[in-house]
């Protein structure tokens, strides 16, 4: 038996009425990937991989 009653899952989120600028999406994803890498949750990605991907992004 659980000590607390179940809570309904939150499936709707309010992010406001303004969309993110397309140029900010890459920055957000890079930040998420870097944070995950720093925490060791991406074991198949090396520091060299991140550097290569960033260089590829920068070159277009």
Protein backbone atom coordinates (compact mmCIF):
# COMPACT_ATOMS: atom_id res chain seq x y z
CA UNK A 1 0.00 0.00 0.00
CA UNK A 2 1.27 3.45 -0.89
CA UNK A 3 1.61 6.15 1.74
CA UNK A 4 0.16 8.86 -0.50
CA UNK A 5 -2.71 8.85 -2.98
CA UNK A 6 -1.81 9.01 -6.66
CA UNK A 7 -1.51 12.42 -8.29
CA UNK A 8 -2.83 12.97 -11.78
CA UNK A 9 0.00 13.31 -14.31
CA UNK A 10 0.57 16.79 -15.67
CA UNK A 11 0.30 16.62 -19.44
CA UNK A 12 -0.35 20.26 -20.32
CA UNK A 13 2.23 22.98 -19.96
CA UNK A 14 1.82 26.71 -20.42
CA UNK A 15 4.85 28.28 -22.06
CA UNK A 16 3.17 31.55 -22.84
CA UNK A 17 2.02 32.95 -26.14
CA UNK A 18 5.37 33.75 -27.75
CA UNK A 19 7.34 31.15 -29.68
CA UNK A 20 11.07 30.69 -29.24
CA UNK A 21 13.20 32.29 -31.92
CA UNK A 22 14.54 29.56 -34.24
CA UNK A 23 18.10 30.73 -33.54
CA UNK A 24 17.72 29.97 -29.83
CA UNK A 25 16.77 26.31 -30.26
CA UNK A 26 20.32 25.21 -31.13
CA UNK A 27 21.70 27.03 -28.10
CA UNK A 28 19.21 25.28 -25.84
CA UNK A 29 19.98 21.85 -27.29
CA UNK A 30 23.74 22.42 -27.08
CA UNK A 31 23.34 23.42 -23.44
CA UNK A 32 21.29 20.29 -22.69
CA UNK A 33 23.78 18.03 -24.49
CA UNK A 34 26.78 19.65 -22.77
CA UNK A 35 25.13 19.33 -19.34
CA UNK A 36 24.29 15.67 -19.97
CA UNK A 37 27.85 15.02 -21.17
CA UNK A 38 29.30 16.74 -18.09
CA UNK A 39 27.13 14.55 -15.85
CA UNK A 40 28.32 11.40 -17.64
CA UNK A 41 24.91 10.44 -18.99
CA UNK A 42 26.14 10.24 -22.60
CA UNK A 43 28.78 7.52 -22.38
CA UNK A 44 28.97 7.01 -26.15
CA UNK A 45 29.92 10.64 -26.82
CA UNK A 46 33.49 11.81 -26.29
CA UNK A 47 34.88 15.30 -25.83
CA UNK A 48 36.32 14.96 -29.34
CA UNK A 49 32.82 14.22 -30.67
CA UNK A 50 31.46 17.40 -29.09
CA UNK A 51 34.32 19.45 -30.52
CA UNK A 52 33.80 17.94 -33.99
CA UNK A 53 30.04 18.58 -33.88
CA UNK A 54 30.54 22.18 -32.75
CA UNK A 55 33.09 22.78 -35.53
CA UNK A 56 30.68 21.30 -38.08
CA UNK A 57 27.87 23.54 -36.80
CA UNK A 58 30.09 26.62 -36.92
CA UNK A 59 31.15 25.93 -40.51
CA UNK A 60 27.57 25.74 -41.69
